[in-house]
Protein backbone atom coordinates (compact mmCIF):
# COMPACT_ATOMS: atom_id res chain seq x y z
CA MET A 1 7.07 -9.97 13.55
CA THR A 2 8.64 -8.29 10.52
CA VAL A 3 7.19 -4.81 11.06
CA HIS A 4 9.07 -2.45 13.37
CA GLU A 5 7.53 0.57 15.10
CA THR A 6 9.19 3.71 16.36
CA ILE A 7 7.47 6.85 17.66
CA ASP A 8 9.28 10.14 18.03
CA ASP A 9 8.09 13.73 18.28
CA GLY A 10 4.59 13.01 17.00
CA ILE A 11 5.74 10.82 14.10
CA ALA A 12 4.97 7.09 14.06
CA ILE A 13 7.24 5.11 11.76
CA LEU A 14 6.25 1.61 10.65
CA THR A 15 9.03 -0.20 8.82
CA MET A 16 8.30 -3.38 6.87
CA ASP A 17 11.27 -5.75 7.05
CA ASN A 18 10.75 -8.94 5.09
CA PRO A 19 13.67 -9.76 2.77
CA PRO A 20 14.48 -10.76 0.13
CA VAL A 21 11.71 -9.09 -1.89
CA SER A 22 9.56 -7.39 0.78
CA ALA A 23 6.47 -9.54 0.26
CA LEU A 24 3.85 -8.79 2.91
CA ASN A 25 2.44 -11.76 4.78
CA ILE A 26 -1.04 -11.99 6.28
CA THR A 27 0.00 -11.47 9.90
CA ASP A 28 2.00 -8.33 9.11
CA ALA A 29 -0.82 -6.83 7.04
CA TYR A 30 -3.18 -7.21 10.00
CA PHE A 31 -0.53 -5.82 12.35
CA ILE A 32 -0.02 -2.64 10.32
CA ALA A 33 -3.78 -2.14 10.04
CA GLU A 34 -4.19 -2.52 13.81
CA LYS A 35 -1.34 -0.12 14.54
CA ILE A 36 -2.63 2.58 12.21
CA ARG A 37 -6.13 2.33 13.66
CA SER A 38 -4.70 2.61 17.17
CA TYR A 39 -3.05 5.92 16.29
CA SER A 40 -6.47 7.43 15.69
CA ASN A 41 -6.99 7.35 19.46
CA GLN A 42 -3.66 9.08 20.17
CA GLU A 43 -4.39 12.56 18.87
CA ASP A 44 -1.96 14.27 21.23
CA ASP A 45 0.89 11.81 20.60
CA ILE A 46 0.65 10.81 16.91
CA LYS A 47 0.40 13.56 14.30
CA VAL A 48 1.52 11.68 11.18
CA VAL A 49 2.48 8.13 10.14
CA LEU A 50 5.38 7.10 7.92
CA LEU A 51 5.06 3.69 6.28
CA ARG A 52 8.27 2.45 4.73
CA SER A 53 10.40 -0.63 4.03
CA SER A 54 13.93 -1.52 5.03
CA GLY A 55 14.28 -4.23 2.42
CA ASN A 56 14.93 -4.63 -1.28
CA GLY A 57 11.97 -2.67 -2.52
CA PHE A 58 8.92 -1.21 -0.82
CA CYS A 59 6.55 -4.16 -1.26
CA ALA A 60 6.39 -7.02 -3.76
CA GLY A 61 2.76 -7.79 -2.94
CA VAL A 62 1.24 -10.56 -0.86
CA ASP A 63 3.34 -13.57 0.11
CA ILE A 64 2.24 -15.95 -2.65
CA LYS A 65 4.21 -18.84 -1.17
CA GLU A 66 2.31 -18.42 2.11
CA MET A 67 -1.01 -18.36 0.22
CA GLN A 68 -0.27 -21.56 -1.67
CA GLU A 69 0.79 -23.41 1.47
CA LEU A 70 -2.57 -22.83 3.16
CA PRO A 71 -5.32 -25.42 2.48
CA GLU A 72 -8.06 -24.97 -0.13
CA ASN A 73 -9.28 -21.36 -0.31
CA GLU A 74 -7.87 -20.27 3.05
CA GLY A 75 -4.88 -18.48 1.55
CA VAL A 76 -6.93 -16.36 -0.84
CA LEU A 77 -9.56 -15.55 1.78
CA LYS A 78 -7.05 -14.51 4.44
CA ALA A 79 -4.90 -12.54 2.01
CA ASN A 80 -7.98 -10.76 0.64
CA HIS A 81 -9.29 -9.91 4.09
CA SER A 82 -5.94 -8.75 5.49
CA CYS A 83 -5.32 -6.53 2.46
CA TYR A 84 -8.80 -5.04 2.74
CA GLU A 85 -8.26 -4.24 6.41
CA LEU A 86 -4.82 -2.77 5.70
CA PHE A 87 -5.86 -0.48 2.84
CA ASP A 88 -9.03 0.58 4.64
CA ALA A 89 -7.08 1.41 7.82
CA ILE A 90 -4.62 3.57 5.88
CA HIS A 91 -7.18 5.43 3.81
CA ASN A 92 -9.62 5.99 6.68
CA SER A 93 -6.97 6.78 9.26
CA LYS A 94 -7.71 9.94 11.20
CA THR A 95 -3.98 10.64 11.02
CA PRO A 96 -2.26 11.44 7.69
CA VAL A 97 -0.19 8.57 6.29
CA ILE A 98 2.91 9.07 4.15
CA ALA A 99 4.08 6.13 2.02
CA VAL A 100 7.86 6.14 1.58
CA VAL A 101 8.46 4.07 -1.55
CA ASN A 102 11.84 2.61 -2.48
CA GLY A 103 12.42 0.23 -5.38
CA HIS A 104 9.53 -1.95 -6.48
CA CYS A 105 5.98 -1.18 -5.35
CA LEU A 106 3.77 -3.99 -6.61
CA GLY A 107 0.34 -5.42 -5.84
CA THR A 108 -0.22 -4.83 -2.14
CA GLY A 109 2.31 -2.02 -2.39
CA ILE A 110 0.00 -0.23 -4.82
CA GLY A 111 -2.86 -0.69 -2.37
CA ILE A 112 -0.76 0.86 0.40
CA ALA A 113 0.55 3.77 -1.67
CA GLY A 114 -2.82 4.39 -3.30
CA SER A 115 -4.51 4.50 0.12
CA ALA A 116 -1.98 6.94 1.58
CA ASP A 117 -2.26 10.71 1.79
CA VAL A 118 1.21 11.47 0.48
CA ILE A 119 3.87 9.52 -1.44
CA ILE A 120 7.59 10.20 -1.45
CA ALA A 121 9.58 7.91 -3.73
CA SER A 122 13.12 7.04 -4.67
CA ALA A 123 14.34 7.80 -8.17
CA ASP A 124 14.50 4.07 -8.94
CA ALA A 125 10.99 3.28 -7.65
CA THR A 126 8.60 1.44 -9.96
CA PHE A 127 4.87 0.91 -9.52
CA GLY A 128 2.81 -1.94 -10.93
CA LEU A 129 -0.01 -4.45 -10.62
CA PRO A 130 1.16 -7.93 -11.72
CA GLU A 131 -2.21 -9.33 -10.57
CA VAL A 132 -3.22 -10.85 -13.92
CA ASP A 133 0.00 -12.86 -14.01
CA ASN A 134 -0.56 -13.94 -10.39
CA GLY A 135 -4.14 -15.13 -10.76
CA ALA A 136 -5.80 -12.29 -8.89
CA LEU A 137 -7.50 -8.93 -9.30
CA GLY A 138 -7.42 -5.99 -6.93
CA ALA A 139 -5.92 -2.60 -6.11
CA ALA A 140 -6.84 -1.13 -9.49
CA SER A 141 -9.05 1.17 -7.41
CA HIS A 142 -5.89 2.36 -5.65
CA LEU A 143 -3.86 2.49 -8.88
CA MET A 144 -6.45 4.87 -10.34
CA ARG A 145 -5.57 7.31 -7.56
CA LEU A 146 -1.98 7.24 -8.82
CA VAL A 147 -2.30 7.25 -12.63
CA PRO A 148 -5.02 8.22 -15.14
CA SER A 149 -7.74 5.69 -15.93
CA GLN A 150 -6.48 4.51 -19.31
CA LYS A 151 -2.92 4.20 -18.03
CA ALA A 152 -4.23 2.12 -15.11
CA ARG A 153 -6.11 -0.14 -17.52
CA TRP A 154 -2.97 -0.72 -19.60
CA MET A 155 -0.92 -1.47 -16.50
CA LEU A 156 -3.51 -3.97 -15.25
CA TYR A 157 -3.91 -5.74 -18.62
CA THR A 158 -0.18 -5.99 -19.38
CA CYS A 159 1.38 -5.99 -15.88
CA GLU A 160 3.76 -3.27 -17.08
CA THR A 161 5.12 -0.86 -14.47
CA ALA A 162 5.34 2.93 -14.24
CA THR A 163 8.30 4.90 -12.91
CA SER A 164 8.32 7.30 -10.00
CA GLN A 165 8.98 10.09 -12.51
CA GLU A 166 5.76 9.22 -14.35
CA LEU A 167 3.78 9.36 -11.12
CA PHE A 168 5.47 12.63 -10.18
CA ASN A 169 4.35 14.03 -13.54
CA TYR A 170 0.80 12.85 -12.81
CA GLY A 171 0.98 14.64 -9.44
CA SER A 172 0.50 11.55 -7.27
CA VAL A 173 4.10 11.43 -6.02
CA LEU A 174 5.04 14.51 -4.02
CA GLU A 175 8.81 14.25 -4.26
CA ILE A 176 11.50 12.08 -5.86
CA VAL A 177 14.90 11.71 -4.21
CA GLU A 178 17.86 9.37 -4.46
CA SER A 179 17.51 6.24 -2.34
CA GLU A 180 20.09 7.33 0.22
CA LYS A 181 18.15 10.55 0.86
CA LEU A 182 14.69 8.96 1.08
CA GLU A 183 14.59 8.63 4.86
CA GLU A 184 15.67 12.24 5.39
CA ALA A 185 13.17 13.59 2.85
CA SER A 186 10.29 11.63 4.34
CA LEU A 187 11.07 12.90 7.84
CA VAL A 188 11.18 16.48 6.58
CA ALA A 189 7.72 16.02 5.03
CA ALA A 190 6.35 14.34 8.16
CA LYS A 191 7.64 17.15 10.39
CA LYS A 192 5.91 19.76 8.23
CA ILE A 193 2.58 18.06 9.01
CA ALA A 194 3.43 17.27 12.64
CA GLU A 195 4.16 20.96 13.31
CA LYS A 196 0.58 21.93 12.44
CA ASN A 197 -2.35 21.94 14.83
CA GLY A 198 -3.25 18.24 15.17
CA THR A 199 -6.99 18.82 15.50
CA LEU A 200 -7.04 20.95 12.36
CA ILE A 201 -5.00 18.42 10.39
CA ARG A 202 -7.37 15.62 11.38
CA ALA A 203 -10.34 17.78 10.40
CA ALA A 204 -8.67 18.56 7.07
CA LYS A 205 -8.10 14.86 6.39
CA ALA A 206 -11.68 13.98 7.34
CA SER A 207 -12.98 16.68 5.01
CA LEU A 208 -10.83 15.45 2.11
CA ASP A 209 -11.91 11.85 2.69
CA GLY A 210 -15.54 12.97 2.78
CA ILE A 211 -15.48 14.80 -0.55
CA GLU A 212 -13.98 11.98 -2.59
CA GLU A 213 -16.42 11.01 -5.31
CA THR A 214 -16.50 7.29 -4.67
CA ASN A 215 -15.81 4.98 -1.74
CA LEU A 216 -12.34 3.45 -2.17
CA SER A 217 -12.96 0.48 0.12
CA LYS A 218 -16.21 -0.48 -1.64
CA ARG A 219 -14.51 -0.27 -5.04
CA TYR A 220 -11.71 -2.53 -3.85
CA ARG A 221 -14.20 -4.99 -2.36
CA LEU A 222 -15.83 -5.33 -5.78
CA GLU A 223 -12.46 -6.19 -7.31
CA GLN A 224 -11.86 -8.82 -4.67
CA GLY A 225 -15.07 -10.57 -5.69
CA TYR A 226 -13.55 -11.22 -9.11
CA THR A 227 -10.37 -12.52 -7.49
CA PHE A 228 -12.34 -15.12 -5.58
CA GLU A 229 -14.33 -16.02 -8.71
CA MET A 230 -11.07 -16.71 -10.57
CA ASN A 231 -9.93 -18.83 -7.65
CA LEU A 232 -13.11 -20.91 -7.70
CA MET A 233 -12.54 -21.53 -11.39
CA GLY A 234 -9.03 -22.80 -10.65
CA ILE A 235 -7.38 -20.07 -12.71
CA GLY A 236 -5.93 -18.34 -9.66
CA ASP A 237 -4.15 -21.43 -8.35
CA GLN A 238 -2.73 -22.23 -11.78
CA ALA A 239 -1.32 -18.72 -12.17
CA ARG A 240 0.18 -18.64 -8.68
CA ASP A 241 1.79 -22.08 -9.06
CA ALA A 242 3.25 -21.01 -12.39
CA PHE A 243 4.62 -17.86 -10.76
CA LEU A 244 6.27 -19.84 -7.97
CA ASP A 245 7.74 -22.31 -10.50
CA LYS A 246 9.64 -19.39 -12.05
């Protein structure tokens, strides 16, 4: 298992640890989803969740090598399902989730950050969706919670990234700090939430989730349908093989 859990003083910390590029495999995506859902039943013990990475970057997306090694459509189907469960668990968690983003935040990383309640990022963090280059579609729903619509469209079409400063200017990143101060800053933010009345915080999160204009999980599910369509056409496999050949 390449996800480590620590719980201290009402704060659950999940640390992704999958060098060299912090790609998230299928098993770990399911594991994080299961853990976050389990915290919903621990109201007295878990007040806030920190989701971070110990590796080179926050998350480089799904493990494309793992996907290509699975037979026929199994890789795409399992990756799609595990990502859906992960993003849905974060967004619909009864407990606030803080994404602590260092370095690159790509693909699945965008789904995680875009599902979270709060984002704290390092000064060198970059955010992007290289899905078109990787033969897939998805997480544009989550990207649109981070950047304006037209910016999200440009990022999806071109696979260009945005900086943490850009997202801070858009208001989607709460705070930017140097990498060596990221852990400290995220704990300070988590403690501010953990000190509040847990029942009231959960009610506040439920109310915010309820007033969002559209259902994030349903929007993402629509995107996934196009991913599978591209895979049936063979375009997805061609793009992923080309990516791995690089």
